[in-house]
Amino acid sequence: MNDDSVAYDRIEYTEVDDILQCTTDTSHPVLLTKAALDGTPAEVVDCNRELVARSLDRAATIEDLSRDSVRSSYVDLYQAAVTERGWAWYRDRVPRTARELALQGLKLIGAREHLDLVVRAIEEDLDDETFRSAFDTAEAATALEAVNAAFLLDLPTINVLSETDIETALSIEFSGEGLPADYPRWRGDLSIFG
């Protein structure tokens, strides 16, 4: 995603309360495969991430998707980015839209320690070393992948797809040209951000 149209846009501490005014979205189902439902938390999160990315390529608007599945995917992006590249990299490279949805996701999945850390990092502009130490403490208290998967599985509307039906289901569900670059197609590879 080496796209100059997605410029860094800092989230200010004064905006956090407004961003966190969110509730669970039941307007669209989360899409998961039977294999993911029967799998590990990592498999649930990975499946959601892939199906969200594929849906973003086809949707006309963000309202066409389960906002909770997108939030979950961007929580996964947050976890990978801050673990592999650090807070400053995440803050500076990941589009604001994705960072806002990740904040909402942290709130809704019940990862309070992680949410408090991100809010603190926004407020105090934490350096990577301080952030990483606090992240490790938060992760020891609340393992993000596990609560993220549990959140997805606890949502009231899940459409279970077979692997062979994914393309057909996506083509029926989505008829748009795809969403803009500020909704990154996170597939587990941070190189999309340059």
Foldseek 3Di string as FASTA:
>chain_A
DPDPVQFQDADALVCLVVLQPDDFFPPAAQEAAPDLVVDDLVSLLLRLLQLVLVLLQFAADPSLHRLLSLLLNLLVVVVVCCVPPRDVCCNGQQGPVSVSSVLNNCVHLVLVQVNVLVSCCNHVVDDRVVSVVSVVVSCVVPPSSVSSSVSNVPDPHYDYDHPVCSVVVSVVSGHHRGDDPSSPSDNPDPVVRD
